Amino acid sequence: MKVKVGDTVRILAGKDKGKEGKVLRTIKLQNRVVVEGINVAKKHSKPRTTEDKGGIIDIEAPIHVSNVKVVGEKKVKEAKTKEVKKETKKTSKKESK
């Protein structure tokens, strides 16, 4: 996958088409990504303890990586090696007299 965590992506298909968001998580085995604020689903949770409250929670569901396009990267990678042009001096077989 060319999409990494932290990249800014634009949604190409689905109910959130045209929106942009930051990649929170990638699921490589399923070729899916979780984007912040995109494909939000409701999840019902039961209270697990006496202090815990149950309720409806909004959660970002994963979408297929083919439906996103990278717009901006997390950080610009600098080249480790700089290109250095080597100047070669051409010499002719005949020397000027």
C-alpha atoms as a PDB file:
ATOM      1  CA  MET A   1       0.000   0.000   0.000  1.00  0.00           C
ATOM      2  CA  LYS A   2       1.179   3.473  -0.796  1.00  0.00           C
ATOM      3  CA  VAL A   3      -0.890   5.028   1.987  1.00  0.00           C
ATOM      4  CA  LYS A   4       0.859   5.454   5.340  1.00  0.00           C
ATOM      5  CA  VAL A   5      -0.317   6.537   8.782  1.00  0.00           C
ATOM      6  CA  GLY A   6      -0.373  10.322   8.996  1.00  0.00           C
ATOM      7  CA  ASP A   7      -0.944  10.967   5.279  1.00  0.00           C
ATOM      8  CA  THR A   8      -3.729  13.297   4.222  1.00  0.00           C
ATOM      9  CA  VAL A   9      -6.083  11.572   1.796  1.00  0.00           C
ATOM     10  CA  ARG A  10      -9.111  12.524  -0.315  1.00  0.00           C
ATOM     11  CA  ILE A  11     -12.090  10.151  -0.559  1.00  0.00           C
ATOM     12  CA  LEU A  12     -12.877   9.150  -4.156  1.00  0.00           C
ATOM     13  CA  ALA A  13     -16.044   7.055  -3.693  1.00  0.00           C
ATOM     14  CA  GLY A  14     -18.871   6.528  -1.226  1.00  0.00           C
ATOM     15  CA  LYS A  15     -21.039   8.746   0.934  1.00  0.00           C
ATOM     16  CA  ASP A  16     -18.054  10.902   1.972  1.00  0.00           C
ATOM     17  CA  LYS A  17     -16.793  11.503  -1.602  1.00  0.00           C
ATOM     18  CA  GLY A  18     -14.665  14.643  -1.904  1.00  0.00           C
ATOM     19  CA  LYS A  19     -13.844  14.954   1.804  1.00  0.00           C
ATOM     20  CA  GLU A  20     -10.288  14.962   3.136  1.00  0.00           C
ATOM     21  CA  GLY A  21      -8.886  13.480   6.312  1.00  0.00           C
ATOM     22  CA  LYS A  22      -5.833  12.106   8.058  1.00  0.00           C
ATOM     23  CA  VAL A  23      -5.080   8.362   8.061  1.00  0.00           C
ATOM     24  CA  LEU A  24      -5.276   7.015  11.621  1.00  0.00           C
ATOM     25  CA  ARG A  25      -4.632   3.312  10.985  1.00  0.00           C
ATOM     26  CA  THR A  26      -3.898   0.920   8.126  1.00  0.00           C
ATOM     27  CA  ILE A  27      -5.037  -2.695   7.874  1.00  0.00           C
ATOM     28  CA  LYS A  28      -2.624  -4.245   5.367  1.00  0.00           C
ATOM     29  CA  LEU A  29      -4.125  -7.746   5.234  1.00  0.00           C
ATOM     30  CA  GLN A  30      -7.512  -6.386   4.143  1.00  0.00           C
ATOM     31  CA  ASN A  31      -6.168  -3.388   2.139  1.00  0.00           C
ATOM     32  CA  ARG A  32      -8.173  -0.963   4.251  1.00  0.00           C
ATOM     33  CA  VAL A  33      -7.494   2.335   6.005  1.00  0.00           C
ATOM     34  CA  VAL A  34      -9.217   4.231   8.812  1.00  0.00           C
ATOM     35  CA  VAL A  35      -9.546   7.954   8.081  1.00  0.00           C
ATOM     36  CA  GLU A  36     -10.300  10.562  10.735  1.00  0.00           C
ATOM     37  CA  GLY A  37     -13.917  11.764  10.533  1.00  0.00           C
ATOM     38  CA  ILE A  38     -14.746   9.640   7.462  1.00  0.00           C
ATOM     39  CA  ASN A  39     -17.183   6.678   7.264  1.00  0.00           C
ATOM     40  CA  VAL A  40     -18.474   7.259  10.789  1.00  0.00           C
ATOM     41  CA  ALA A  41     -20.688   4.455  12.129  1.00  0.00           C
ATOM     42  CA  LYS A  42     -22.717   4.131  15.325  1.00  0.00           C
ATOM     43  CA  LYS A  43     -21.720   1.428  17.807  1.00  0.00           C
ATOM     44  CA  HIS A  44     -23.951   0.423  20.706  1.00  0.00           C
ATOM     45  CA  SER A  45     -22.105  -0.518  23.906  1.00  0.00           C
ATOM     46  CA  LYS A  46     -23.369  -2.115  27.093  1.00  0.00           C
ATOM     47  CA  PRO A  47     -22.113  -0.957  30.470  1.00  0.00           C
ATOM     48  CA  ARG A  48     -19.375  -3.376  31.547  1.00  0.00           C
ATOM     49  CA  THR A  49     -19.019  -2.220  35.157  1.00  0.00           C
ATOM     50  CA  THR A  50     -21.219  -0.333  37.595  1.00  0.00           C
ATOM     51  CA  GLU A  51     -19.311   2.920  36.956  1.00  0.00           C
ATOM     52  CA  ASP A  52     -19.252   2.477  33.179  1.00  0.00           C
ATOM     53  CA  LYS A  53     -22.092   3.959  31.160  1.00  0.00           C
ATOM     54  CA  GLY A  54     -23.443   2.299  28.074  1.00  0.00           C
ATOM     55  CA  GLY A  55     -24.609   4.188  25.057  1.00  0.00           C
ATOM     56  CA  ILE A  56     -24.120   4.933  21.404  1.00  0.00           C
ATOM     57  CA  ILE A  57     -20.557   5.703  20.310  1.00  0.00           C
ATOM     58  CA  ASP A  58     -19.456   7.186  16.978  1.00  0.00           C
ATOM     59  CA  ILE A  59     -16.549   5.204  15.494  1.00  0.00           C
ATOM     60  CA  GLU A  60     -14.630   5.527  12.222  1.00  0.00           C
ATOM     61  CA  ALA A  61     -15.051   2.384  10.127  1.00  0.00           C
ATOM     62  CA  PRO A  62     -12.324   1.253   7.696  1.00  0.00           C
ATOM     63  CA  ILE A  63     -12.666   1.900   3.957  1.00  0.00           C
ATOM     64  CA  HIS A  64     -10.891   0.217   1.063  1.00  0.00           C
ATOM     65  CA  VAL A  65      -7.589   1.769   0.019  1.00  0.00           C
ATOM     66  CA  SER A  66      -8.713   1.986  -3.639  1.00  0.00           C
ATOM     67  CA  ASN A  67     -11.296   4.588  -2.595  1.00  0.00           C
ATOM     68  CA  VAL A  68      -8.695   7.057  -1.293  1.00  0.00           C
ATOM     69  CA  LYS A  69      -6.026   9.201  -2.931  1.00  0.00           C
ATOM     70  CA  VAL A  70      -2.986  10.637  -1.154  1.00  0.00           C
ATOM     71  CA  VAL A  71      -3.130  14.451  -1.180  1.00  0.00           C
ATOM     72  CA  GLY A  72      -0.370  15.347   1.268  1.00  0.00           C
ATOM     73  CA  GLU A  73       2.266  13.318   3.065  1.00  0.00           C
ATOM     74  CA  LYS A  74       3.113  13.378   6.757  1.00  0.00           C
ATOM     75  CA  LYS A  75       6.616  14.665   6.169  1.00  0.00           C
ATOM     76  CA  VAL A  76       8.758  15.293   3.152  1.00  0.00           C
ATOM     77  CA  LYS A  77      11.515  12.761   2.903  1.00  0.00           C
ATOM     78  CA  GLU A  78      14.841  14.216   2.040  1.00  0.00           C
ATOM     79  CA  ALA A  79      17.164  12.336  -0.229  1.00  0.00           C
ATOM     80  CA  LYS A  80      19.879  10.540   1.684  1.00  0.00           C
ATOM     81  CA  THR A  81      22.352  11.003  -1.083  1.00  0.00           C
ATOM     82  CA  LYS A  82      22.799  14.188  -2.991  1.00  0.00           C
ATOM     83  CA  GLU A  83      23.361  14.029  -6.650  1.00  0.00           C
ATOM     84  CA  VAL A  84      26.790  15.283  -7.477  1.00  0.00           C
ATOM     85  CA  LYS A  85      27.636  15.975 -11.056  1.00  0.00           C
ATOM     86  CA  LYS A  86      31.121  14.996 -11.892  1.00  0.00           C
ATOM     87  CA  GLU A  87      32.853  17.273 -14.275  1.00  0.00           C
ATOM     88  CA  THR A  88      35.100  15.474 -16.678  1.00  0.00           C
ATOM     89  CA  LYS A  89      37.670  17.231 -18.703  1.00  0.00           C
ATOM     90  CA  LYS A  90      37.667  16.130 -22.308  1.00  0.00           C
ATOM     91  CA  THR A  91      41.043  15.893 -23.939  1.00  0.00           C
ATOM     92  CA  SER A  92      41.558  15.558 -27.614  1.00  0.00           C
ATOM     93  CA  LYS A  93      44.047  13.219 -29.204  1.00  0.00           C
ATOM     94  CA  LYS A  94      45.581  16.015 -31.187  1.00  0.00           C
ATOM     95  CA  GLU A  95      47.262  18.641 -29.177  1.00  0.00           C
ATOM     96  CA  SER A  96      47.232  22.177 -30.414  1.00  0.00           C
ATOM     97  CA  LYS A  97      50.558  23.226 -31.910  1.00  0.00           C
END
